[in-house]
N, C-alpha and C. Protein backbone atom coordinates (compact mmCIF):
# COMPACT_ATOMS: atom_id res chain seq x y z
N UNK A 1 11.13 -0.21 10.80
CA UNK A 1 10.18 0.79 11.26
C UNK A 1 8.99 0.82 10.31
N UNK A 2 7.74 0.69 10.82
CA UNK A 2 6.58 0.68 9.94
C UNK A 2 6.45 1.99 9.19
N UNK A 3 5.87 1.95 7.96
CA UNK A 3 5.69 3.19 7.22
C UNK A 3 4.68 4.08 7.91
N UNK A 4 4.81 5.36 7.68
CA UNK A 4 3.85 6.31 8.23
C UNK A 4 2.49 6.02 7.61
N UNK A 5 1.47 5.89 8.45
CA UNK A 5 0.13 5.58 7.95
C UNK A 5 -0.41 6.77 7.18
N UNK A 6 -0.91 6.50 5.98
CA UNK A 6 -1.47 7.59 5.19
C UNK A 6 -2.84 7.95 5.73
N UNK A 7 -3.18 9.19 5.63
CA UNK A 7 -4.50 9.65 6.05
C UNK A 7 -5.08 10.55 4.97
N UNK A 8 -5.39 9.97 3.81
CA UNK A 8 -5.97 10.78 2.76
C UNK A 8 -7.33 11.31 3.18
N UNK A 9 -7.64 12.52 2.79
CA UNK A 9 -8.89 13.12 3.22
C UNK A 9 -10.06 12.69 2.37
N UNK A 10 -11.17 12.45 3.02
CA UNK A 10 -12.40 12.14 2.31
C UNK A 10 -13.12 13.44 1.99
N UNK A 11 -13.83 13.44 0.90
CA UNK A 11 -14.69 14.56 0.61
C UNK A 11 -15.93 14.44 1.50
N UNK A 12 -16.73 15.46 1.53
CA UNK A 12 -17.91 15.45 2.40
C UNK A 12 -18.86 14.31 2.07
N UNK A 13 -18.86 13.86 0.82
CA UNK A 13 -19.77 12.78 0.43
C UNK A 13 -19.13 11.39 0.51
N UNK A 14 -17.98 11.28 1.17
CA UNK A 14 -17.37 9.98 1.40
C UNK A 14 -16.55 9.43 0.24
N UNK A 15 -16.04 10.29 -0.61
CA UNK A 15 -15.22 9.86 -1.74
C UNK A 15 -13.80 10.36 -1.58
N UNK A 16 -12.87 9.65 -2.21
CA UNK A 16 -11.46 10.04 -2.25
C UNK A 16 -11.07 10.31 -3.69
N UNK A 17 -10.30 11.36 -3.91
CA UNK A 17 -9.73 11.60 -5.23
C UNK A 17 -8.40 10.87 -5.30
N UNK A 18 -8.26 9.98 -6.29
CA UNK A 18 -7.07 9.15 -6.42
C UNK A 18 -6.52 9.31 -7.84
N UNK A 19 -5.22 9.56 -7.93
CA UNK A 19 -4.56 9.63 -9.23
C UNK A 19 -3.83 8.31 -9.48
N UNK A 20 -4.18 7.67 -10.59
CA UNK A 20 -3.60 6.37 -10.95
C UNK A 20 -2.62 6.57 -12.10
N UNK A 21 -1.43 6.02 -11.95
CA UNK A 21 -0.42 6.07 -13.02
C UNK A 21 -0.26 4.67 -13.58
N UNK A 22 -0.42 4.54 -14.89
CA UNK A 22 -0.27 3.27 -15.58
C UNK A 22 1.11 3.22 -16.22
N UNK A 23 1.82 2.11 -16.01
CA UNK A 23 3.18 1.99 -16.51
C UNK A 23 3.33 0.71 -17.34
N UNK A 24 4.29 0.74 -18.26
CA UNK A 24 4.57 -0.40 -19.12
C UNK A 24 6.07 -0.63 -19.24
N UNK A 25 6.43 -1.85 -19.57
CA UNK A 25 7.81 -2.22 -19.84
C UNK A 25 7.81 -3.11 -21.08
N UNK A 26 8.58 -2.73 -22.09
CA UNK A 26 8.56 -3.45 -23.37
C UNK A 26 9.80 -4.29 -23.62
N UNK A 27 10.84 -4.08 -22.84
CA UNK A 27 12.06 -4.89 -22.98
C UNK A 27 12.57 -5.26 -21.59
N UNK A 28 13.22 -6.39 -21.55
CA UNK A 28 13.76 -6.86 -20.27
C UNK A 28 14.86 -5.91 -19.79
N UNK A 29 14.77 -5.38 -18.58
CA UNK A 29 15.81 -4.46 -18.09
C UNK A 29 17.12 -5.19 -17.82
N UNK A 30 18.21 -4.47 -18.00
CA UNK A 30 19.54 -5.06 -17.80
C UNK A 30 20.03 -4.93 -16.35
N UNK A 31 19.57 -3.87 -15.68
CA UNK A 31 20.06 -3.61 -14.32
C UNK A 31 18.98 -3.91 -13.29
N UNK A 32 18.93 -5.13 -12.83
CA UNK A 32 17.98 -5.52 -11.79
C UNK A 32 18.74 -6.00 -10.56
N UNK A 33 18.15 -5.79 -9.38
CA UNK A 33 18.76 -6.26 -8.14
C UNK A 33 18.32 -7.70 -7.91
N UNK A 34 19.07 -8.65 -8.46
CA UNK A 34 18.67 -10.05 -8.38
C UNK A 34 19.31 -10.80 -7.22
N UNK A 35 20.14 -10.11 -6.47
CA UNK A 35 20.72 -10.69 -5.26
C UNK A 35 20.16 -9.95 -4.06
N UNK A 36 19.64 -10.70 -3.12
CA UNK A 36 19.05 -10.07 -1.93
C UNK A 36 20.11 -9.31 -1.15
N UNK A 37 19.76 -8.12 -0.65
CA UNK A 37 20.71 -7.38 0.20
C UNK A 37 20.98 -8.09 1.52
N UNK A 38 20.19 -9.12 1.82
CA UNK A 38 20.35 -9.84 3.08
C UNK A 38 20.80 -11.29 2.86
N UNK A 39 21.33 -11.56 1.67
CA UNK A 39 21.90 -12.87 1.33
C UNK A 39 20.98 -14.03 1.69
N UNK A 40 21.49 -14.97 2.48
CA UNK A 40 20.72 -16.18 2.73
C UNK A 40 19.63 -16.02 3.79
N UNK A 41 19.40 -14.80 4.26
CA UNK A 41 18.30 -14.57 5.21
C UNK A 41 16.96 -14.48 4.49
N UNK A 42 17.00 -14.33 3.17
CA UNK A 42 15.75 -14.17 2.41
C UNK A 42 15.57 -15.33 1.44
N UNK A 43 14.31 -15.61 1.16
CA UNK A 43 13.99 -16.57 0.11
C UNK A 43 12.69 -16.13 -0.55
N UNK A 44 12.58 -16.41 -1.83
CA UNK A 44 11.38 -16.08 -2.59
C UNK A 44 10.79 -17.39 -3.09
N UNK A 45 9.57 -17.69 -2.65
CA UNK A 45 8.93 -18.95 -2.99
C UNK A 45 7.61 -18.71 -3.69
N UNK A 46 7.34 -19.52 -4.71
CA UNK A 46 6.04 -19.46 -5.37
C UNK A 46 5.03 -20.20 -4.50
N UNK A 47 3.92 -19.52 -4.21
CA UNK A 47 2.84 -20.14 -3.45
C UNK A 47 1.93 -20.85 -4.45
N UNK A 48 2.00 -22.15 -4.49
CA UNK A 48 1.20 -22.93 -5.44
C UNK A 48 -0.17 -23.19 -4.84
N UNK A 49 -1.20 -22.67 -5.49
CA UNK A 49 -2.59 -22.80 -5.03
C UNK A 49 -2.71 -22.44 -3.54
N UNK A 50 -2.40 -21.19 -3.19
CA UNK A 50 -2.47 -20.78 -1.78
C UNK A 50 -3.90 -20.82 -1.26
N UNK A 51 -4.04 -21.03 0.03
CA UNK A 51 -5.36 -20.97 0.64
C UNK A 51 -5.83 -19.52 0.65
N UNK A 52 -7.14 -19.34 0.66
CA UNK A 52 -7.66 -17.97 0.69
C UNK A 52 -7.27 -17.28 1.99
N UNK A 53 -7.22 -18.03 3.08
CA UNK A 53 -6.87 -17.41 4.37
C UNK A 53 -5.43 -16.89 4.35
N UNK A 54 -4.50 -17.65 3.77
CA UNK A 54 -3.12 -17.18 3.69
C UNK A 54 -3.01 -15.99 2.76
N UNK A 55 -3.71 -16.06 1.61
CA UNK A 55 -3.68 -14.92 0.69
C UNK A 55 -4.27 -13.68 1.36
N UNK A 56 -5.39 -13.84 2.05
CA UNK A 56 -5.98 -12.68 2.72
C UNK A 56 -5.03 -12.10 3.77
N UNK A 57 -4.31 -12.96 4.46
CA UNK A 57 -3.31 -12.46 5.42
C UNK A 57 -2.30 -11.56 4.70
N UNK A 58 -1.77 -12.04 3.57
CA UNK A 58 -0.79 -11.26 2.83
C UNK A 58 -1.39 -9.96 2.31
N UNK A 59 -2.52 -10.07 1.63
CA UNK A 59 -3.16 -8.90 1.02
C UNK A 59 -3.54 -7.87 2.07
N UNK A 60 -4.20 -8.32 3.14
CA UNK A 60 -4.65 -7.38 4.15
C UNK A 60 -3.50 -6.74 4.91
N UNK A 61 -2.48 -7.51 5.23
CA UNK A 61 -1.37 -6.99 6.02
C UNK A 61 -0.50 -6.06 5.19
N UNK A 62 -0.20 -6.46 3.96
CA UNK A 62 0.59 -5.59 3.08
C UNK A 62 -0.21 -4.34 2.71
N UNK A 63 -1.49 -4.52 2.42
CA UNK A 63 -2.28 -3.43 1.87
C UNK A 63 -2.94 -2.49 2.85
N UNK A 64 -3.04 -2.85 4.12
CA UNK A 64 -3.74 -2.00 5.08
C UNK A 64 -3.25 -0.55 5.12
N UNK A 65 -1.94 -0.30 5.15
CA UNK A 65 -1.50 1.10 5.21
C UNK A 65 -1.86 1.90 3.97
N UNK A 66 -2.14 1.21 2.86
CA UNK A 66 -2.36 1.88 1.57
C UNK A 66 -3.80 1.76 1.09
N UNK A 67 -4.67 1.33 1.99
CA UNK A 67 -6.11 1.24 1.71
C UNK A 67 -6.45 0.29 0.56
N UNK A 68 -5.71 -0.82 0.44
CA UNK A 68 -6.11 -1.84 -0.53
C UNK A 68 -7.45 -2.39 -0.06
N UNK A 69 -8.43 -2.44 -0.94
CA UNK A 69 -9.76 -2.87 -0.53
C UNK A 69 -10.45 -3.81 -1.51
N UNK A 70 -10.09 -3.78 -2.79
CA UNK A 70 -10.86 -4.53 -3.79
C UNK A 70 -11.02 -6.00 -3.45
N UNK A 71 -9.95 -6.63 -3.01
CA UNK A 71 -10.03 -8.07 -2.74
C UNK A 71 -10.65 -8.36 -1.38
N UNK A 72 -10.73 -7.37 -0.52
CA UNK A 72 -11.41 -7.56 0.76
C UNK A 72 -12.91 -7.77 0.58
N UNK A 73 -13.46 -7.15 -0.45
CA UNK A 73 -14.92 -7.25 -0.65
C UNK A 73 -15.30 -8.48 -1.48
N UNK A 74 -14.32 -9.22 -1.97
CA UNK A 74 -14.61 -10.43 -2.73
C UNK A 74 -15.01 -11.57 -1.80
N UNK A 75 -15.88 -12.43 -2.28
CA UNK A 75 -16.19 -13.65 -1.54
C UNK A 75 -14.98 -14.58 -1.60
N UNK A 76 -14.92 -15.54 -0.68
CA UNK A 76 -13.83 -16.51 -0.70
C UNK A 76 -13.81 -17.28 -2.01
N UNK A 77 -14.99 -17.61 -2.53
CA UNK A 77 -15.07 -18.38 -3.77
C UNK A 77 -14.52 -17.58 -4.95
N UNK A 78 -14.89 -16.31 -5.03
CA UNK A 78 -14.41 -15.46 -6.12
C UNK A 78 -12.90 -15.28 -6.03
N UNK A 79 -12.41 -15.04 -4.82
CA UNK A 79 -10.98 -14.87 -4.64
C UNK A 79 -10.22 -16.15 -4.96
N UNK A 80 -10.74 -17.28 -4.52
CA UNK A 80 -10.08 -18.57 -4.76
C UNK A 80 -9.94 -18.84 -6.25
N UNK A 81 -10.97 -18.50 -7.04
CA UNK A 81 -10.89 -18.70 -8.49
C UNK A 81 -9.72 -17.94 -9.10
N UNK A 82 -9.45 -16.76 -8.58
CA UNK A 82 -8.34 -15.96 -9.11
C UNK A 82 -7.00 -16.53 -8.67
N UNK A 83 -6.83 -16.71 -7.37
CA UNK A 83 -5.50 -17.03 -6.86
C UNK A 83 -5.07 -18.47 -7.12
N UNK A 84 -6.01 -19.33 -7.51
CA UNK A 84 -5.63 -20.70 -7.87
C UNK A 84 -5.61 -20.92 -9.37
N UNK A 85 -5.86 -19.88 -10.14
CA UNK A 85 -5.79 -19.98 -11.60
C UNK A 85 -4.34 -20.27 -12.00
N UNK A 86 -4.14 -21.19 -12.94
CA UNK A 86 -2.79 -21.57 -13.37
C UNK A 86 -2.01 -20.39 -13.93
N UNK A 87 -2.71 -19.36 -14.42
CA UNK A 87 -2.04 -18.20 -15.02
C UNK A 87 -1.82 -17.07 -14.03
N UNK A 88 -2.14 -17.29 -12.76
CA UNK A 88 -1.88 -16.31 -11.71
C UNK A 88 -0.80 -16.88 -10.80
N UNK A 89 0.28 -16.14 -10.64
CA UNK A 89 1.41 -16.63 -9.85
C UNK A 89 1.67 -15.69 -8.68
N UNK A 90 1.75 -16.26 -7.50
CA UNK A 90 1.97 -15.49 -6.28
C UNK A 90 3.31 -15.91 -5.69
N UNK A 91 4.16 -14.92 -5.50
CA UNK A 91 5.50 -15.16 -4.96
C UNK A 91 5.61 -14.49 -3.59
N UNK A 92 5.97 -15.28 -2.60
CA UNK A 92 6.06 -14.78 -1.23
C UNK A 92 7.53 -14.63 -0.85
N UNK A 93 7.86 -13.44 -0.38
CA UNK A 93 9.21 -13.16 0.09
C UNK A 93 9.27 -13.45 1.58
N UNK A 94 10.22 -14.28 1.97
CA UNK A 94 10.42 -14.61 3.39
C UNK A 94 11.73 -14.01 3.87
N UNK A 95 11.71 -13.50 5.09
CA UNK A 95 12.92 -13.02 5.73
C UNK A 95 13.09 -13.80 7.02
N UNK A 96 14.17 -14.56 7.10
CA UNK A 96 14.44 -15.43 8.24
C UNK A 96 13.22 -16.31 8.56
N UNK A 97 12.59 -16.83 7.51
CA UNK A 97 11.48 -17.75 7.66
C UNK A 97 10.12 -17.11 7.88
N UNK A 98 10.08 -15.78 7.93
CA UNK A 98 8.82 -15.06 8.20
C UNK A 98 8.36 -14.37 6.92
N UNK A 99 7.06 -14.44 6.56
CA UNK A 99 6.61 -13.71 5.38
C UNK A 99 6.90 -12.21 5.52
N UNK A 100 7.54 -11.66 4.50
CA UNK A 100 7.91 -10.24 4.54
C UNK A 100 7.22 -9.43 3.45
N UNK A 101 6.61 -10.09 2.48
CA UNK A 101 5.92 -9.39 1.41
C UNK A 101 5.54 -10.38 0.32
N UNK A 102 4.90 -9.86 -0.71
CA UNK A 102 4.54 -10.74 -1.82
C UNK A 102 4.35 -9.95 -3.09
N UNK A 103 4.33 -10.68 -4.20
CA UNK A 103 4.05 -10.10 -5.51
C UNK A 103 3.19 -11.08 -6.27
N UNK A 104 2.34 -10.54 -7.13
CA UNK A 104 1.40 -11.37 -7.89
C UNK A 104 1.48 -11.02 -9.38
N UNK A 105 1.78 -12.03 -10.18
CA UNK A 105 1.80 -11.87 -11.63
C UNK A 105 0.53 -12.46 -12.21
N UNK A 106 -0.11 -11.69 -13.08
CA UNK A 106 -1.33 -12.14 -13.74
C UNK A 106 -1.03 -12.35 -15.22
N UNK A 107 -1.01 -13.62 -15.65
CA UNK A 107 -0.70 -13.97 -17.03
C UNK A 107 -1.94 -14.36 -17.82
N UNK A 108 -3.13 -14.03 -17.31
CA UNK A 108 -4.36 -14.46 -17.96
C UNK A 108 -4.62 -13.74 -19.29
N UNK A 109 -3.89 -12.66 -19.56
CA UNK A 109 -4.08 -11.95 -20.83
C UNK A 109 -2.79 -11.93 -21.63
N UNK A 110 -2.03 -13.02 -21.56
CA UNK A 110 -0.79 -13.09 -22.33
C UNK A 110 -1.08 -12.88 -23.81
N UNK A 111 -0.16 -12.20 -24.51
CA UNK A 111 1.24 -11.96 -24.19
C UNK A 111 1.51 -10.75 -23.27
N UNK A 112 0.47 -10.12 -22.74
CA UNK A 112 0.67 -9.06 -21.76
C UNK A 112 0.61 -9.68 -20.37
N UNK A 113 1.58 -9.36 -19.54
CA UNK A 113 1.60 -9.83 -18.16
C UNK A 113 1.45 -8.62 -17.26
N UNK A 114 0.58 -8.75 -16.26
CA UNK A 114 0.38 -7.65 -15.31
C UNK A 114 1.00 -7.99 -13.97
N UNK A 115 1.75 -7.05 -13.43
CA UNK A 115 2.15 -7.14 -12.03
C UNK A 115 0.97 -6.58 -11.25
N UNK A 116 0.12 -7.49 -10.77
CA UNK A 116 -1.16 -7.09 -10.19
C UNK A 116 -1.01 -6.49 -8.80
N UNK A 117 -0.14 -7.09 -7.99
CA UNK A 117 0.10 -6.60 -6.63
C UNK A 117 1.54 -6.82 -6.26
N UNK A 118 2.07 -5.93 -5.44
CA UNK A 118 3.40 -6.10 -4.89
C UNK A 118 3.54 -5.20 -3.68
N UNK A 119 4.09 -5.73 -2.62
CA UNK A 119 4.32 -4.89 -1.45
C UNK A 119 4.93 -5.68 -0.32
N UNK A 120 5.33 -4.94 0.70
CA UNK A 120 5.96 -5.53 1.88
C UNK A 120 5.05 -5.41 3.09
N UNK A 121 5.16 -6.36 3.99
CA UNK A 121 4.52 -6.25 5.29
C UNK A 121 5.17 -5.08 6.01
N UNK A 122 4.38 -4.22 6.67
CA UNK A 122 4.91 -2.96 7.21
C UNK A 122 6.20 -3.07 8.00
N UNK A 123 6.36 -4.13 8.80
CA UNK A 123 7.57 -4.24 9.61
C UNK A 123 8.84 -4.42 8.79
N UNK A 124 8.70 -4.73 7.50
CA UNK A 124 9.88 -5.00 6.67
C UNK A 124 10.17 -3.87 5.67
N UNK A 125 9.42 -2.79 5.72
CA UNK A 125 9.75 -1.67 4.86
C UNK A 125 11.00 -0.99 5.40
N UNK A 126 11.76 -0.41 4.49
CA UNK A 126 13.00 0.25 4.89
C UNK A 126 14.19 -0.69 4.99
N UNK A 127 14.01 -1.97 4.63
CA UNK A 127 15.09 -2.96 4.72
C UNK A 127 15.70 -3.27 3.35
N UNK A 128 15.37 -2.48 2.34
CA UNK A 128 15.86 -2.65 0.97
C UNK A 128 15.34 -3.94 0.32
N UNK A 129 14.23 -4.44 0.84
CA UNK A 129 13.66 -5.66 0.27
C UNK A 129 12.75 -5.36 -0.92
N UNK A 130 12.18 -4.16 -0.97
CA UNK A 130 11.29 -3.80 -2.07
C UNK A 130 11.95 -3.87 -3.43
N UNK A 131 13.10 -3.22 -3.61
CA UNK A 131 13.77 -3.30 -4.92
C UNK A 131 14.15 -4.74 -5.30
N UNK A 132 14.53 -5.54 -4.31
CA UNK A 132 14.88 -6.93 -4.59
C UNK A 132 13.65 -7.72 -5.03
N UNK A 133 12.53 -7.58 -4.29
CA UNK A 133 11.30 -8.30 -4.64
C UNK A 133 10.82 -7.90 -6.03
N UNK A 134 10.80 -6.60 -6.30
CA UNK A 134 10.34 -6.13 -7.61
C UNK A 134 11.25 -6.65 -8.72
N UNK A 135 12.55 -6.57 -8.52
CA UNK A 135 13.50 -7.04 -9.53
C UNK A 135 13.32 -8.53 -9.81
N UNK A 136 13.17 -9.31 -8.75
CA UNK A 136 13.03 -10.76 -8.91
C UNK A 136 11.76 -11.11 -9.68
N UNK A 137 10.68 -10.41 -9.40
CA UNK A 137 9.41 -10.72 -10.06
C UNK A 137 9.43 -10.24 -11.51
N UNK A 138 10.06 -9.12 -11.76
CA UNK A 138 10.23 -8.67 -13.16
C UNK A 138 11.01 -9.72 -13.94
N UNK A 139 12.07 -10.25 -13.35
CA UNK A 139 12.89 -11.26 -14.00
C UNK A 139 12.07 -12.52 -14.30
N UNK A 140 11.22 -12.92 -13.35
CA UNK A 140 10.35 -14.08 -13.56
C UNK A 140 9.37 -13.80 -14.70
N UNK A 141 8.78 -12.61 -14.70
CA UNK A 141 7.81 -12.26 -15.74
C UNK A 141 8.44 -12.34 -17.12
N UNK A 142 9.67 -11.84 -17.26
CA UNK A 142 10.32 -11.85 -18.57
C UNK A 142 10.76 -13.24 -19.01
N UNK A 143 10.77 -14.20 -18.08
CA UNK A 143 11.09 -15.57 -18.49
C UNK A 143 9.99 -16.14 -19.39
N UNK A 144 8.82 -15.51 -19.39
CA UNK A 144 7.71 -15.93 -20.26
C UNK A 144 7.73 -15.20 -21.61
N UNK A 145 8.72 -14.36 -21.83
CA UNK A 145 8.85 -13.59 -23.07
C UNK A 145 7.56 -12.86 -23.45
N UNK A 146 7.05 -12.01 -22.55
CA UNK A 146 5.81 -11.30 -22.86
C UNK A 146 6.03 -10.20 -23.90
N UNK A 147 4.92 -9.74 -24.47
CA UNK A 147 4.96 -8.58 -25.35
C UNK A 147 5.27 -7.33 -24.53
N UNK A 148 4.67 -7.28 -23.35
CA UNK A 148 4.96 -6.18 -22.42
C UNK A 148 4.52 -6.59 -21.02
N UNK A 149 5.09 -5.90 -20.06
CA UNK A 149 4.75 -6.08 -18.65
C UNK A 149 4.11 -4.77 -18.20
N UNK A 150 2.97 -4.86 -17.51
CA UNK A 150 2.26 -3.65 -17.09
C UNK A 150 2.06 -3.65 -15.58
N UNK A 151 1.89 -2.45 -15.03
CA UNK A 151 1.60 -2.28 -13.61
C UNK A 151 0.94 -0.91 -13.46
N UNK A 152 0.22 -0.72 -12.37
CA UNK A 152 -0.25 0.62 -12.07
C UNK A 152 -0.06 0.89 -10.59
N UNK A 153 0.05 2.16 -10.27
CA UNK A 153 0.17 2.59 -8.88
C UNK A 153 -0.66 3.85 -8.73
N UNK A 154 -0.98 4.19 -7.50
CA UNK A 154 -1.82 5.37 -7.30
C UNK A 154 -1.32 6.17 -6.11
N UNK A 155 -1.95 7.31 -5.91
CA UNK A 155 -1.52 8.23 -4.86
C UNK A 155 -1.85 7.72 -3.45
N UNK A 156 -2.53 6.60 -3.33
CA UNK A 156 -2.74 5.98 -2.03
C UNK A 156 -1.61 5.01 -1.68
N UNK A 157 -0.83 4.60 -2.69
CA UNK A 157 0.26 3.64 -2.47
C UNK A 157 1.45 4.30 -1.78
N UNK A 158 2.44 3.48 -1.45
CA UNK A 158 3.67 3.98 -0.83
C UNK A 158 4.23 5.11 -1.69
N UNK A 159 4.64 6.22 -1.09
CA UNK A 159 5.11 7.37 -1.88
C UNK A 159 6.33 7.08 -2.75
N UNK A 160 7.07 6.01 -2.44
CA UNK A 160 8.24 5.67 -3.26
C UNK A 160 7.92 4.67 -4.35
N UNK A 161 6.67 4.19 -4.43
CA UNK A 161 6.33 3.12 -5.38
C UNK A 161 6.57 3.54 -6.82
N UNK A 162 6.08 4.71 -7.21
CA UNK A 162 6.21 5.15 -8.60
C UNK A 162 7.67 5.26 -9.01
N UNK A 163 8.49 5.86 -8.17
CA UNK A 163 9.92 5.99 -8.48
C UNK A 163 10.61 4.65 -8.58
N UNK A 164 10.23 3.70 -7.71
CA UNK A 164 10.84 2.37 -7.76
C UNK A 164 10.49 1.66 -9.05
N UNK A 165 9.24 1.74 -9.46
CA UNK A 165 8.85 1.11 -10.73
C UNK A 165 9.65 1.70 -11.89
N UNK A 166 9.84 2.99 -11.88
CA UNK A 166 10.58 3.63 -12.97
C UNK A 166 12.06 3.24 -12.93
N UNK A 167 12.64 3.17 -11.74
CA UNK A 167 14.05 2.78 -11.64
C UNK A 167 14.27 1.35 -12.12
N UNK A 168 13.25 0.52 -11.99
CA UNK A 168 13.36 -0.88 -12.42
C UNK A 168 12.98 -1.09 -13.88
N UNK A 169 12.67 -0.01 -14.61
CA UNK A 169 12.47 -0.14 -16.05
C UNK A 169 11.07 0.14 -16.58
N UNK A 170 10.11 0.43 -15.71
CA UNK A 170 8.77 0.77 -16.18
C UNK A 170 8.72 2.23 -16.63
N UNK A 171 7.87 2.50 -17.62
CA UNK A 171 7.67 3.86 -18.12
C UNK A 171 6.21 4.24 -17.98
N UNK A 172 5.91 5.40 -17.40
CA UNK A 172 4.51 5.83 -17.31
C UNK A 172 3.95 6.09 -18.71
N UNK A 173 2.72 5.61 -18.95
CA UNK A 173 2.09 5.80 -20.26
C UNK A 173 0.76 6.55 -20.15
N UNK A 174 0.20 6.60 -18.97
CA UNK A 174 -1.10 7.27 -18.81
C UNK A 174 -1.31 7.58 -17.33
N UNK A 175 -2.08 8.64 -17.09
CA UNK A 175 -2.41 9.00 -15.72
C UNK A 175 -3.87 9.47 -15.70
N UNK A 176 -4.61 8.99 -14.71
CA UNK A 176 -6.02 9.36 -14.57
C UNK A 176 -6.31 9.67 -13.12
N UNK A 177 -7.20 10.64 -12.89
CA UNK A 177 -7.67 10.92 -11.55
C UNK A 177 -9.15 10.58 -11.49
N UNK A 178 -9.52 9.83 -10.46
CA UNK A 178 -10.93 9.48 -10.31
C UNK A 178 -11.29 9.51 -8.84
N UNK A 179 -12.59 9.57 -8.58
CA UNK A 179 -13.09 9.54 -7.21
C UNK A 179 -13.55 8.13 -6.90
N UNK A 180 -13.13 7.62 -5.74
CA UNK A 180 -13.57 6.30 -5.31
C UNK A 180 -14.23 6.43 -3.95
N UNK A 181 -15.11 5.51 -3.64
CA UNK A 181 -15.70 5.48 -2.30
C UNK A 181 -14.59 5.22 -1.28
N UNK A 182 -14.58 5.99 -0.22
CA UNK A 182 -13.55 5.83 0.81
C UNK A 182 -13.69 4.45 1.44
N UNK A 183 -12.70 3.56 1.24
CA UNK A 183 -12.83 2.19 1.77
C UNK A 183 -12.90 2.15 3.29
N UNK A 184 -12.45 3.22 3.96
CA UNK A 184 -12.52 3.24 5.42
C UNK A 184 -13.95 3.39 5.92
N UNK A 185 -14.85 3.76 5.02
CA UNK A 185 -16.26 3.92 5.40
C UNK A 185 -17.09 2.69 5.09
N UNK A 186 -16.45 1.68 4.46
CA UNK A 186 -17.12 0.42 4.16
C UNK A 186 -16.95 -0.51 5.36
N UNK A 187 -17.91 -1.35 5.60
CA UNK A 187 -17.81 -2.28 6.72
C UNK A 187 -16.84 -3.41 6.38
N UNK A 188 -15.55 -3.16 6.61
CA UNK A 188 -14.49 -4.13 6.32
C UNK A 188 -13.57 -4.21 7.53
N UNK A 189 -12.71 -5.23 7.57
CA UNK A 189 -11.73 -5.28 8.66
C UNK A 189 -10.92 -3.98 8.70
N UNK A 190 -10.52 -3.59 9.86
CA UNK A 190 -9.86 -2.31 10.09
C UNK A 190 -8.63 -2.12 9.20
N UNK A 191 -8.47 -0.90 8.70
CA UNK A 191 -7.29 -0.57 7.92
C UNK A 191 -6.20 -0.09 8.87
N UNK A 192 -5.50 -1.01 9.47
CA UNK A 192 -4.41 -0.69 10.38
C UNK A 192 -3.19 -1.50 9.98
N UNK A 193 -2.01 -0.88 9.98
CA UNK A 193 -0.80 -1.65 9.64
C UNK A 193 -0.64 -2.86 10.54
N UNK A 194 -0.34 -3.99 9.92
CA UNK A 194 -0.01 -5.17 10.69
C UNK A 194 -1.19 -5.98 11.18
N UNK A 195 -2.44 -5.55 10.88
CA UNK A 195 -3.58 -6.35 11.32
C UNK A 195 -3.78 -7.50 10.36
N UNK A 196 -4.27 -8.60 10.86
CA UNK A 196 -4.50 -9.77 10.01
C UNK A 196 -5.76 -9.62 9.18
N UNK A 197 -6.70 -8.76 9.58
CA UNK A 197 -7.91 -8.46 8.83
C UNK A 197 -8.76 -9.64 8.52
């Protein structure tokens, strides 16, 4: 069942108030869900030098319900430089051969590794794939022996995101509230769950 579409309110001047929580992990967690709840129906594959069109499909489809917009406004050239960088790793979760979500590790500032993006395609939420995907990517990140692993989430993200990060070993270290331009008012592909954008 697709997640309920969020409808955050815009202020009269077209801005949204967003609270961002920054989290860190300094030691490898002992309790991770490293076995898929769906056994051999799932696979996690590293996308080596993905095409921008495939990446945009993942980003737009996963992010539409949560108003992900930053990478939508990037040119193809700018986006390609990021996603084909040797220190950026994109892992795609497949369920019965169909893309179900993805996670992106950014190692460009090692020894700090950032979990830059993670999420599921709307049709696959509620299938217990989120904890598995997050656990698997955390395990991959720690294989590089980083000084710390960082991530952030905000009040536009899935309401369970913050709790999931904490259950998997992240600790909140800072919280900020800021106003951003409402991405729904920018001329971009529609923010609708499941659209290819």
